Amino acid sequence: MPESKVSKSAAEKRKAKQKAELAEKRSEKQRAAAYTSRRWVPPTFITTGILGGLWLVTYYIAGNRIPFMRDLGDWNVLIGMGLMAAAFAISTLWK
Protein backbone atom coordinates (compact mmCIF):
# COMPACT_ATOMS: atom_id res chain seq x y z
CA MET A 1 0.00 0.00 0.00
CA PRO A 2 1.49 3.41 -0.92
CA GLU A 3 2.36 5.98 1.75
CA SER A 4 0.19 9.00 2.06
CA LYS A 5 1.52 12.49 1.42
CA VAL A 6 1.13 13.36 5.08
CA SER A 7 3.56 10.63 6.07
CA LYS A 8 6.13 11.78 3.52
CA SER A 9 5.78 15.33 4.75
CA ALA A 10 6.24 14.26 8.37
CA ALA A 11 9.31 12.19 7.45
CA GLU A 12 10.82 15.14 5.58
CA LYS A 13 10.20 17.42 8.55
CA ARG A 14 11.83 14.89 10.87
CA LYS A 15 14.91 14.65 8.61
CA ALA A 16 15.16 18.43 8.38
CA LYS A 17 14.92 18.73 12.15
CA GLN A 18 17.68 16.15 12.63
CA LYS A 19 19.91 17.99 10.15
CA ALA A 20 19.31 21.29 11.94
CA GLU A 21 20.14 19.75 15.33
CA LEU A 22 23.33 18.20 13.93
CA ALA A 23 24.38 21.53 12.39
CA GLU A 24 23.70 23.30 15.70
CA LYS A 25 25.84 20.81 17.61
CA ARG A 26 28.68 21.30 15.12
CA SER A 27 28.51 25.07 15.39
CA GLU A 28 28.52 24.86 19.22
CA LYS A 29 31.66 22.72 19.10
CA GLN A 30 33.32 25.17 16.70
CA ARG A 31 32.42 28.14 18.92
CA ALA A 32 33.74 26.33 21.99
CA ALA A 33 36.97 25.44 20.18
CA ALA A 34 37.42 29.01 18.96
CA TYR A 35 36.85 30.40 22.44
CA THR A 36 39.26 28.11 24.22
CA SER A 37 41.98 28.49 21.60
CA ARG A 38 42.46 32.19 22.48
CA ARG A 39 44.00 31.66 25.91
CA TRP A 40 47.41 32.74 24.60
CA VAL A 41 46.24 36.25 23.73
CA PRO A 42 46.28 38.07 27.11
CA PRO A 43 49.76 36.98 28.20
CA THR A 44 51.14 37.67 24.73
CA PHE A 45 49.77 41.18 24.33
CA ILE A 46 50.65 42.19 27.88
CA THR A 47 54.19 40.88 27.49
CA THR A 48 54.63 42.54 24.09
CA GLY A 49 53.31 45.88 25.34
CA ILE A 50 55.49 45.88 28.44
CA LEU A 51 58.52 44.86 26.38
CA GLY A 52 57.90 47.78 24.00
CA GLY A 53 57.60 50.23 26.88
CA LEU A 54 60.71 48.92 28.58
CA TRP A 55 62.62 49.13 25.29
CA LEU A 56 61.77 52.83 24.97
CA VAL A 57 62.52 53.62 28.61
CA THR A 58 65.85 51.80 28.41
CA TYR A 59 66.73 53.62 25.21
CA TYR A 60 65.98 57.05 26.65
CA ILE A 61 67.72 56.41 29.99
CA ALA A 62 70.78 54.36 29.04
CA GLY A 63 70.70 53.94 25.26
CA ASN A 64 74.01 55.70 24.70
CA ARG A 65 75.76 53.29 27.11
CA ILE A 66 74.43 50.07 25.54
CA PRO A 67 76.46 49.20 22.42
CA PHE A 68 73.75 47.60 20.26
CA MET A 69 71.24 50.33 21.15
CA ARG A 70 73.79 53.00 20.28
CA ASP A 71 74.32 51.31 16.91
CA LEU A 72 70.59 51.22 16.19
CA GLY A 73 70.20 54.94 16.88
CA ASP A 74 66.71 56.29 16.26
CA TRP A 75 65.49 52.88 15.10
CA ASN A 76 65.04 52.12 18.81
CA VAL A 77 61.99 54.37 18.83
CA LEU A 78 60.50 52.43 15.92
CA ILE A 79 61.23 49.12 17.66
CA GLY A 80 59.57 50.19 20.92
CA MET A 81 56.55 51.75 19.22
CA GLY A 82 56.31 48.75 16.89
CA LEU A 83 56.16 46.38 19.84
CA MET A 84 53.41 48.44 21.46
CA ALA A 85 51.48 48.58 18.18
CA ALA A 86 51.84 44.82 17.85
CA ALA A 87 50.46 44.45 21.39
CA PHE A 88 47.44 46.52 20.39
CA ALA A 89 46.89 44.41 17.28
CA ILE A 90 47.16 41.21 19.31
CA SER A 91 44.68 42.52 21.87
CA THR A 92 41.99 42.74 19.17
CA LEU A 93 42.05 38.93 18.96
CA TRP A 94 40.85 38.55 22.55
CA LYS A 95 37.28 37.35 22.97
PDB file of N, CA and C in Angstrom:
ATOM      1  N   MET A   1       0.846  -1.170   0.000  1.00  0.00           N
ATOM      2  CA  MET A   1       0.000   0.000   0.000  1.00  0.00           C
ATOM      3  C   MET A   1       0.899   1.244   0.000  1.00  0.00           C
ATOM      4  N   PRO A   2       0.648   2.221  -0.845  1.00  0.00           N
ATOM      5  CA  PRO A   2       1.492   3.413  -0.921  1.00  0.00           C
ATOM      6  C   PRO A   2       1.322   4.313   0.292  1.00  0.00           C
ATOM      7  N   GLU A   3       2.430   5.038   0.617  1.00  0.00           N
ATOM      8  CA  GLU A   3       2.362   5.976   1.748  1.00  0.00           C
ATOM      9  C   GLU A   3       1.580   7.206   1.351  1.00  0.00           C
ATOM     10  N   SER A   4       0.936   7.768   2.331  1.00  0.00           N
ATOM     11  CA  SER A   4       0.192   8.996   2.061  1.00  0.00           C
ATOM     12  C   SER A   4       1.146  10.185   2.050  1.00  0.00           C
ATOM     13  N   LYS A   5       0.695  11.294   1.495  1.00  0.00           N
ATOM     14  CA  LYS A   5       1.519  12.486   1.418  1.00  0.00           C
ATOM     15  C   LYS A   5       1.806  13.050   2.800  1.00  0.00           C
ATOM     16  N   VAL A   6       0.919  12.863   3.722  1.00  0.00           N
ATOM     17  CA  VAL A   6       1.125  13.355   5.078  1.00  0.00           C
ATOM     18  C   VAL A   6       2.322  12.654   5.710  1.00  0.00           C
ATOM     19  N   SER A   7       2.448  11.376   5.508  1.00  0.00           N
ATOM     20  CA  SER A   7       3.565  10.626   6.074  1.00  0.00           C
ATOM     21  C   SER A   7       4.893  11.072   5.471  1.00  0.00           C
ATOM     22  N   LYS A   8       4.909  11.313   4.160  1.00  0.00           N
ATOM     23  CA  LYS A   8       6.127  11.781   3.518  1.00  0.00           C
ATOM     24  C   LYS A   8       6.510  13.153   4.056  1.00  0.00           C
ATOM     25  N   SER A   9       5.534  13.988   4.243  1.00  0.00           N
ATOM     26  CA  SER A   9       5.783  15.328   4.751  1.00  0.00           C
ATOM     27  C   SER A   9       6.345  15.266   6.175  1.00  0.00           C
ATOM     28  N   ALA A  10       5.770  14.404   6.988  1.00  0.00           N
ATOM     29  CA  ALA A  10       6.243  14.261   8.366  1.00  0.00           C
ATOM     30  C   ALA A  10       7.666  13.710   8.386  1.00  0.00           C
ATOM     31  N   ALA A  11       7.955  12.764   7.511  1.00  0.00           N
ATOM     32  CA  ALA A  11       9.306  12.192   7.447  1.00  0.00           C
ATOM     33  C   ALA A  11      10.310  13.251   6.993  1.00  0.00           C
ATOM     34  N   GLU A  12       9.932  14.069   6.033  1.00  0.00           N
ATOM     35  CA  GLU A  12      10.821  15.136   5.575  1.00  0.00           C
ATOM     36  C   GLU A  12      11.080  16.149   6.685  1.00  0.00           C
ATOM     37  N   LYS A  13      10.044  16.482   7.440  1.00  0.00           N
ATOM     38  CA  LYS A  13      10.197  17.421   8.554  1.00  0.00           C
ATOM     39  C   LYS A  13      11.131  16.840   9.613  1.00  0.00           C
ATOM     40  N   ARG A  14      10.983  15.547   9.883  1.00  0.00           N
ATOM     41  CA  ARG A  14      11.825  14.892  10.869  1.00  0.00           C
ATOM     42  C   ARG A  14      13.293  14.906  10.426  1.00  0.00           C
ATOM     43  N   LYS A  15      13.543  14.627   9.134  1.00  0.00           N
ATOM     44  CA  LYS A  15      14.908  14.650   8.610  1.00  0.00           C
ATOM     45  C   LYS A  15      15.492  16.060   8.670  1.00  0.00           C
ATOM     46  N   ALA A  16      14.691  17.051   8.335  1.00  0.00           N
ATOM     47  CA  ALA A  16      15.161  18.433   8.377  1.00  0.00           C
ATOM     48  C   ALA A  16      15.496  18.847   9.803  1.00  0.00           C
ATOM     49  N   LYS A  17      14.676  18.407  10.746  1.00  0.00           N
ATOM     50  CA  LYS A  17      14.918  18.731  12.154  1.00  0.00           C
ATOM     51  C   LYS A  17      16.215  18.082  12.636  1.00  0.00           C
ATOM     52  N   GLN A  18      16.450  16.837  12.249  1.00  0.00           N
ATOM     53  CA  GLN A  18      17.680  16.151  12.634  1.00  0.00           C
ATOM     54  C   GLN A  18      18.905  16.839  12.032  1.00  0.00           C
ATOM     55  N   LYS A  19      18.807  17.281  10.776  1.00  0.00           N
ATOM     56  CA  LYS A  19      19.915  17.990  10.146  1.00  0.00           C
ATOM     57  C   LYS A  19      20.198  19.298  10.860  1.00  0.00           C
ATOM     58  N   ALA A  20      19.137  20.016  11.241  1.00  0.00           N
ATOM     59  CA  ALA A  20      19.311  21.288  11.938  1.00  0.00           C
ATOM     60  C   ALA A  20      19.970  21.079  13.300  1.00  0.00           C
ATOM     61  N   GLU A  21      19.545  20.044  14.024  1.00  0.00           N
ATOM     62  CA  GLU A  21      20.138  19.747  15.329  1.00  0.00           C
ATOM     63  C   GLU A  21      21.618  19.379  15.186  1.00  0.00           C
ATOM     64  N   LEU A  22      21.937  18.588  14.165  1.00  0.00           N
ATOM     65  CA  LEU A  22      23.326  18.204  13.926  1.00  0.00           C
ATOM     66  C   LEU A  22      24.177  19.427  13.583  1.00  0.00           C
ATOM     67  N   ALA A  23      23.646  20.312  12.751  1.00  0.00           N
ATOM     68  CA  ALA A  23      24.378  21.532  12.388  1.00  0.00           C
ATOM     69  C   ALA A  23      24.574  22.418  13.613  1.00  0.00           C
ATOM     70  N   GLU A  24      23.585  22.487  14.485  1.00  0.00           N
ATOM     71  CA  GLU A  24      23.701  23.300  15.699  1.00  0.00           C
ATOM     72  C   GLU A  24      24.765  22.735  16.632  1.00  0.00           C
ATOM     73  N   LYS A  25      24.821  21.427  16.767  1.00  0.00           N
ATOM     74  CA  LYS A  25      25.842  20.809  17.610  1.00  0.00           C
ATOM     75  C   LYS A  25      27.241  21.080  17.063  1.00  0.00           C
ATOM     76  N   ARG A  26      27.383  21.019  15.737  1.00  0.00           N
ATOM     77  CA  ARG A  26      28.676  21.300  15.121  1.00  0.00           C
ATOM     78  C   ARG A  26      29.098  22.736  15.369  1.00  0.00           C
ATOM     79  N   SER A  27      28.158  23.667  15.210  1.00  0.00           N
ATOM     80  CA  SER A  27      28.511  25.073  15.392  1.00  0.00           C
ATOM     81  C   SER A  27      28.843  25.363  16.859  1.00  0.00           C
ATOM     82  N   GLU A  28      28.189  24.694  17.802  1.00  0.00           N
ATOM     83  CA  GLU A  28      28.518  24.862  19.219  1.00  0.00           C
ATOM     84  C   GLU A  28      29.938  24.376  19.496  1.00  0.00           C
ATOM     85  N   LYS A  29      30.306  23.248  18.910  1.00  0.00           N
ATOM     86  CA  LYS A  29      31.658  22.723  19.098  1.00  0.00           C
ATOM     87  C   LYS A  29      32.690  23.677  18.501  1.00  0.00           C
ATOM     88  N   GLN A  30      32.387  24.234  17.334  1.00  0.00           N
ATOM     89  CA  GLN A  30      33.318  25.166  16.703  1.00  0.00           C
ATOM     90  C   GLN A  30      33.465  26.428  17.541  1.00  0.00           C
ATOM     91  N   ARG A  31      32.350  26.950  18.070  1.00  0.00           N
ATOM     92  CA  ARG A  31      32.417  28.137  18.918  1.00  0.00           C
ATOM     93  C   ARG A  31      33.218  27.849  20.180  1.00  0.00           C
ATOM     94  N   ALA A  32      33.005  26.698  20.772  1.00  0.00           N
ATOM     95  CA  ALA A  32      33.744  26.335  21.985  1.00  0.00           C
ATOM     96  C   ALA A  32      35.235  26.198  21.678  1.00  0.00           C
ATOM     97  N   ALA A  33      35.559  25.596  20.549  1.00  0.00           N
ATOM     98  CA  ALA A  33      36.969  25.439  20.180  1.00  0.00           C
ATOM     99  C   ALA A  33      37.609  26.794  19.900  1.00  0.00           C
ATOM    100  N   ALA A  34      36.887  27.681  19.253  1.00  0.00           N
ATOM    101  CA  ALA A  34      37.424  29.006  18.957  1.00  0.00           C
ATOM    102  C   ALA A  34      37.632  29.801  20.240  1.00  0.00           C
ATOM    103  N   TYR A  35      36.738  29.657  21.184  1.00  0.00           N
ATOM    104  CA  TYR A  35      36.847  30.402  22.435  1.00  0.00           C
ATOM    105  C   TYR A  35      38.029  29.916  23.267  1.00  0.00           C
ATOM    106  N   THR A  36      38.198  28.628  23.370  1.00  0.00           N
ATOM    107  CA  THR A  36      39.263  28.106  24.215  1.00  0.00           C
ATOM    108  C   THR A  36      40.631  28.235  23.563  1.00  0.00           C
ATOM    109  N   SER A  37      40.679  28.411  22.252  1.00  0.00           N
ATOM    110  CA  SER A  37      41.976  28.489  21.599  1.00  0.00           C
ATOM    111  C   SER A  37      42.604  29.877  21.723  1.00  0.00           C
ATOM    112  N   ARG A  38      41.931  30.829  22.363  1.00  0.00           N
ATOM    113  CA  ARG A  38      42.456  32.190  22.483  1.00  0.00           C
ATOM    114  C   ARG A  38      43.082  32.468  23.846  1.00  0.00           C
ATOM    115  N   ARG A  39      43.439  31.455  24.574  1.00  0.00           N
ATOM    116  CA  ARG A  39      44.005  31.657  25.911  1.00  0.00           C
ATOM    117  C   ARG A  39      45.400  32.264  25.870  1.00  0.00           C
ATOM    118  N   TRP A  40      46.067  32.212  24.745  1.00  0.00           N
ATOM    119  CA  TRP A  40      47.409  32.738  24.604  1.00  0.00           C
ATOM    120  C   TRP A  40      47.413  34.252  24.433  1.00  0.00           C
ATOM    121  N   VAL A  41      46.274  34.837  24.095  1.00  0.00           N
ATOM    122  CA  VAL A  41      46.244  36.251  23.726  1.00  0.00           C
ATOM    123  C   VAL A  41      46.600  37.186  24.888  1.00  0.00           C
ATOM    124  N   PRO A  42      45.945  37.104  26.064  1.00  0.00           N
ATOM    125  CA  PRO A  42      46.278  38.074  27.115  1.00  0.00           C
ATOM    126  C   PRO A  42      47.745  38.076  27.543  1.00  0.00           C
ATOM    127  N   PRO A  43      48.353  36.920  27.818  1.00  0.00           N
ATOM    128  CA  PRO A  43      49.764  36.984  28.202  1.00  0.00           C
ATOM    129  C   PRO A  43      50.659  37.523  27.091  1.00  0.00           C
ATOM    130  N   THR A  44      50.310  37.218  25.854  1.00  0.00           N
ATOM    131  CA  THR A  44      51.140  37.666  24.733  1.00  0.00           C
ATOM    132  C   THR A  44      51.061  39.171  24.552  1.00  0.00           C
ATOM    133  N   PHE A  45      49.840  39.737  24.574  1.00  0.00           N
ATOM    134  CA  PHE A  45      49.767  41.178  24.328  1.00  0.00           C
ATOM    135  C   PHE A  45      50.270  41.982  25.521  1.00  0.00           C
ATOM    136  N   ILE A  46      50.107  41.474  26.717  1.00  0.00           N
ATOM    137  CA  ILE A  46      50.646  42.187  27.884  1.00  0.00           C
ATOM    138  C   ILE A  46      52.178  42.168  27.842  1.00  0.00           C
ATOM    139  N   THR A  47      52.740  40.998  27.566  1.00  0.00           N
ATOM    140  CA  THR A  47      54.194  40.881  27.493  1.00  0.00           C
ATOM    141  C   THR A  47      54.771  41.757  26.380  1.00  0.00           C
ATOM    142  N   THR A  48      54.142  41.746  25.223  1.00  0.00           N
ATOM    143  CA  THR A  48      54.632  42.536  24.091  1.00  0.00           C
ATOM    144  C   THR A  48      54.549  44.031  24.394  1.00  0.00           C
ATOM    145  N   GLY A  49      53.459  44.468  25.001  1.00  0.00           N
ATOM    146  CA  GLY A  49      53.314  45.884  25.341  1.00  0.00           C
ATOM    147  C   GLY A  49      54.321  46.340  26.378  1.00  0.00           C
ATOM    148  N   ILE A  50      54.509  45.528  27.399  1.00  0.00           N
ATOM    149  CA  ILE A  50      55.488  45.881  28.440  1.00  0.00           C
ATOM    150  C   ILE A  50      56.905  45.889  27.861  1.00  0.00           C
ATOM    151  N   LEU A  51      57.204  44.915  27.009  1.00  0.00           N
ATOM    152  CA  LEU A  51      58.522  44.865  26.377  1.00  0.00           C
ATOM    153  C   LEU A  51      58.774  46.113  25.530  1.00  0.00           C
ATOM    154  N   GLY A  52      57.761  46.561  24.796  1.00  0.00           N
ATOM    155  CA  GLY A  52      57.902  47.783  23.999  1.00  0.00           C
ATOM    156  C   GLY A  52      58.143  49.007  24.872  1.00  0.00           C
ATOM    157  N   GLY A  53      57.396  49.114  25.963  1.00  0.00           N
ATOM    158  CA  GLY A  53      57.595  50.235  26.878  1.00  0.00           C
ATOM    159  C   GLY A  53      58.960  50.210  27.534  1.00  0.00           C
ATOM    160  N   LEU A  54      59.380  49.041  27.967  1.00  0.00           N
ATOM    161  CA  LEU A  54      60.710  48.916  28.579  1.00  0.00           C
ATOM    162  C   LEU A  54      61.822  49.220  27.583  1.00  0.00           C
ATOM    163  N   TRP A  55      61.622  48.834  26.321  1.00  0.00           N
ATOM    164  CA  TRP A  55      62.623  49.126  25.295  1.00  0.00           C
ATOM    165  C   TRP A  55      62.805  50.639  25.160  1.00  0.00           C
ATOM    166  N   LEU A  56      61.684  51.370  25.110  1.00  0.00           N
ATOM    167  CA  LEU A  56      61.766  52.828  24.973  1.00  0.00           C
ATOM    168  C   LEU A  56      62.391  53.481  26.204  1.00  0.00           C
ATOM    169  N   VAL A  57      61.980  53.045  27.384  1.00  0.00           N
ATOM    170  CA  VAL A  57      62.523  53.617  28.615  1.00  0.00           C
ATOM    171  C   VAL A  57      64.023  53.357  28.702  1.00  0.00           C
ATOM    172  N   THR A  58      64.426  52.134  28.383  1.00  0.00           N
ATOM    173  CA  THR A  58      65.850  51.799  28.411  1.00  0.00           C
ATOM    174  C   THR A  58      66.625  52.629  27.399  1.00  0.00           C
ATOM    175  N   TYR A  59      66.053  52.827  26.229  1.00  0.00           N
ATOM    176  CA  TYR A  59      66.733  53.624  25.205  1.00  0.00           C
ATOM    177  C   TYR A  59      66.915  55.069  25.668  1.00  0.00           C
ATOM    178  N   TYR A  60      65.880  55.645  26.241  1.00  0.00           N
ATOM    179  CA  TYR A  60      65.982  57.046  26.652  1.00  0.00           C
ATOM    180  C   TYR A  60      66.863  57.245  27.881  1.00  0.00           C
ATOM    181  N   ILE A  61      66.912  56.265  28.774  1.00  0.00           N
ATOM    182  CA  ILE A  61      67.716  56.414  29.992  1.00  0.00           C
ATOM    183  C   ILE A  61      69.176  56.021  29.755  1.00  0.00           C
ATOM    184  N   ALA A  62      69.410  54.861  29.142  1.00  0.00           N
ATOM    185  CA  ALA A  62      70.778  54.359  29.043  1.00  0.00           C
ATOM    186  C   ALA A  62      71.146  53.910  27.637  1.00  0.00           C
ATOM    187  N   GLY A  63      70.454  54.392  26.623  1.00  0.00           N
ATOM    188  CA  GLY A  63      70.701  53.944  25.256  1.00  0.00           C
ATOM    189  C   GLY A  63      72.088  54.246  24.741  1.00  0.00           C
ATOM    190  N   ASN A  64      72.667  55.361  25.198  1.00  0.00           N
ATOM    191  CA  ASN A  64      74.007  55.704  24.702  1.00  0.00           C
ATOM    192  C   ASN A  64      75.105  54.877  25.360  1.00  0.00           C
ATOM    193  N   ARG A  65      74.765  54.134  26.433  1.00  0.00           N
ATOM    194  CA  ARG A  65      75.757  53.291  27.110  1.00  0.00           C
ATOM    195  C   ARG A  65      75.663  51.822  26.697  1.00  0.00           C
ATOM    196  N   ILE A  66      74.623  51.456  25.980  1.00  0.00           N
ATOM    197  CA  ILE A  66      74.435  50.068  25.540  1.00  0.00           C
ATOM    198  C   ILE A  66      74.858  49.997  24.074  1.00  0.00           C
ATOM    199  N   PRO A  67      75.874  49.182  23.778  1.00  0.00           N
ATOM    200  CA  PRO A  67      76.461  49.202  22.423  1.00  0.00           C
ATOM    201  C   PRO A  67      75.460  48.942  21.287  1.00  0.00           C
ATOM    202  N   PHE A  68      74.637  47.896  21.386  1.00  0.00           N
ATOM    203  CA  PHE A  68      73.748  47.602  20.265  1.00  0.00           C
ATOM    204  C   PHE A  68      72.648  48.646  20.126  1.00  0.00           C
ATOM    205  N   MET A  69      72.235  49.265  21.234  1.00  0.00           N
ATOM    206  CA  MET A  69      71.242  50.331  21.148  1.00  0.00           C
ATOM    207  C   MET A  69      71.854  51.592  20.546  1.00  0.00           C
ATOM    208  N   ARG A  70      73.088  51.845  20.862  1.00  0.00           N
ATOM    209  CA  ARG A  70      73.786  53.002  20.285  1.00  0.00           C
ATOM    210  C   ARG A  70      73.905  52.822  18.773  1.00  0.00           C
ATOM    211  N   ASP A  71      74.187  51.591  18.337  1.00  0.00           N
ATOM    212  CA  ASP A  71      74.325  51.309  16.905  1.00  0.00           C
ATOM    213  C   ASP A  71      72.994  51.453  16.161  1.00  0.00           C
ATOM    214  N   LEU A  72      71.909  51.119  16.836  1.00  0.00           N
ATOM    215  CA  LEU A  72      70.590  51.221  16.193  1.00  0.00           C
ATOM    216  C   LEU A  72      70.131  52.671  16.056  1.00  0.00           C
ATOM    217  N   GLY A  73      70.557  53.519  16.949  1.00  0.00           N
ATOM    218  CA  GLY A  73      70.201  54.935  16.882  1.00  0.00           C
ATOM    219  C   GLY A  73      68.701  55.168  17.056  1.00  0.00           C
ATOM    220  N   ASP A  74      68.132  55.952  16.146  1.00  0.00           N
ATOM    221  CA  ASP A  74      66.711  56.290  16.256  1.00  0.00           C
ATOM    222  C   ASP A  74      65.779  55.136  15.897  1.00  0.00           C
ATOM    223  N   TRP A  75      66.319  54.055  15.376  1.00  0.00           N
ATOM    224  CA  TRP A  75      65.493  52.880  15.105  1.00  0.00           C
ATOM    225  C   TRP A  75      64.935  52.281  16.399  1.00  0.00           C
ATOM    226  N   ASN A  76      65.551  52.595  17.529  1.00  0.00           N
ATOM    227  CA  ASN A  76      65.043  52.117  18.813  1.00  0.00           C
ATOM    228  C   ASN A  76      63.623  52.612  19.071  1.00  0.00           C
ATOM    229  N   VAL A  77      63.335  53.827  18.660  1.00  0.00           N
ATOM    230  CA  VAL A  77      61.986  54.370  18.833  1.00  0.00           C
ATOM    231  C   VAL A  77      60.998  53.550  18.008  1.00  0.00           C
ATOM    232  N   LEU A  78      61.375  53.236  16.777  1.00  0.00           N
ATOM    233  CA  LEU A  78      60.504  52.431  15.924  1.00  0.00           C
ATOM    234  C   LEU A  78      60.304  51.029  16.502  1.00  0.00           C
ATOM    235  N   ILE A  79      61.345  50.460  17.064  1.00  0.00           N
ATOM    236  CA  ILE A  79      61.229  49.123  17.661  1.00  0.00           C
ATOM    237  C   ILE A  79      60.269  49.153  18.846  1.00  0.00           C
ATOM    238  N   GLY A  80      60.449  50.106  19.749  1.00  0.00           N
ATOM    239  CA  GLY A  80      59.575  50.195  20.918  1.00  0.00           C
ATOM    240  C   GLY A  80      58.130  50.473  20.545  1.00  0.00           C
ATOM    241  N   MET A  81      57.919  51.435  19.649  1.00  0.00           N
ATOM    242  CA  MET A  81      56.551  51.752  19.224  1.00  0.00           C
ATOM    243  C   MET A  81      55.951  50.595  18.420  1.00  0.00           C
ATOM    244  N   GLY A  82      56.786  49.911  17.648  1.00  0.00           N
ATOM    245  CA  GLY A  82      56.305  48.753  16.895  1.00  0.00           C
ATOM    246  C   GLY A  82      55.847  47.625  17.799  1.00  0.00           C
ATOM    247  N   LEU A  83      56.577  47.405  18.885  1.00  0.00           N
ATOM    248  CA  LEU A  83      56.158  46.375  19.844  1.00  0.00           C
ATOM    249  C   LEU A  83      54.840  46.749  20.513  1.00  0.00           C
ATOM    250  N   MET A  84      54.672  48.017  20.844  1.00  0.00           N
ATOM    251  CA  MET A  84      53.413  48.439  21.463  1.00  0.00           C
ATOM    252  C   MET A  84      52.254  48.385  20.461  1.00  0.00           C
ATOM    253  N   ALA A  85      52.521  48.699  19.208  1.00  0.00           N
ATOM    254  CA  ALA A  85      51.483  48.581  18.180  1.00  0.00           C
ATOM    255  C   ALA A  85      51.113  47.119  17.952  1.00  0.00           C
ATOM    256  N   ALA A  86      52.106  46.250  17.989  1.00  0.00           N
ATOM    257  CA  ALA A  86      51.836  44.821  17.855  1.00  0.00           C
ATOM    258  C   ALA A  86      50.995  44.317  19.028  1.00  0.00           C
ATOM    259  N   ALA A  87      51.264  44.837  20.223  1.00  0.00           N
ATOM    260  CA  ALA A  87      50.463  44.452  21.388  1.00  0.00           C
ATOM    261  C   ALA A  87      49.016  44.879  21.196  1.00  0.00           C
ATOM    262  N   PHE A  88      48.815  46.077  20.659  1.00  0.00           N
ATOM    263  CA  PHE A  88      47.437  46.521  20.391  1.00  0.00           C
ATOM    264  C   PHE A  88      46.761  45.625  19.367  1.00  0.00           C
ATOM    265  N   ALA A  89      47.471  45.293  18.308  1.00  0.00           N
ATOM    266  CA  ALA A  89      46.890  44.412  17.275  1.00  0.00           C
ATOM    267  C   ALA A  89      46.562  43.046  17.846  1.00  0.00           C
ATOM    268  N   ILE A  90      47.410  42.509  18.693  1.00  0.00           N
ATOM    269  CA  ILE A  90      47.164  41.210  19.305  1.00  0.00           C
ATOM    270  C   ILE A  90      45.965  41.274  20.239  1.00  0.00           C
ATOM    271  N   SER A  91      45.796  42.409  20.929  1.00  0.00           N
ATOM    272  CA  SER A  91      44.677  42.517  21.870  1.00  0.00           C
ATOM    273  C   SER A  91      43.322  42.494  21.180  1.00  0.00           C
ATOM    274  N   THR A  92      43.269  42.805  19.892  1.00  0.00           N
ATOM    275  CA  THR A  92      41.988  42.739  19.174  1.00  0.00           C
ATOM    276  C   THR A  92      41.534  41.308  18.943  1.00  0.00           C
ATOM    277  N   LEU A  93      42.419  40.343  19.135  1.00  0.00           N
ATOM    278  CA  LEU A  93      42.054  38.926  18.960  1.00  0.00           C
ATOM    279  C   LEU A  93      41.377  38.352  20.191  1.00  0.00           C
ATOM    280  N   TRP A  94      41.389  39.064  21.301  1.00  0.00           N
ATOM    281  CA  TRP A  94      40.851  38.549  22.550  1.00  0.00           C
ATOM    282  C   TRP A  94      39.340  38.554  22.509  1.00  0.00           C
ATOM    283  N   LYS A  95      38.748  37.445  22.939  1.00  0.00           N
ATOM    284  CA  LYS A  95      37.281  37.348  22.974  1.00  0.00           C
ATOM    285  C   LYS A  95      36.812  37.236  24.385  1.00  0.00           C
TER     286      LYS A  95
END
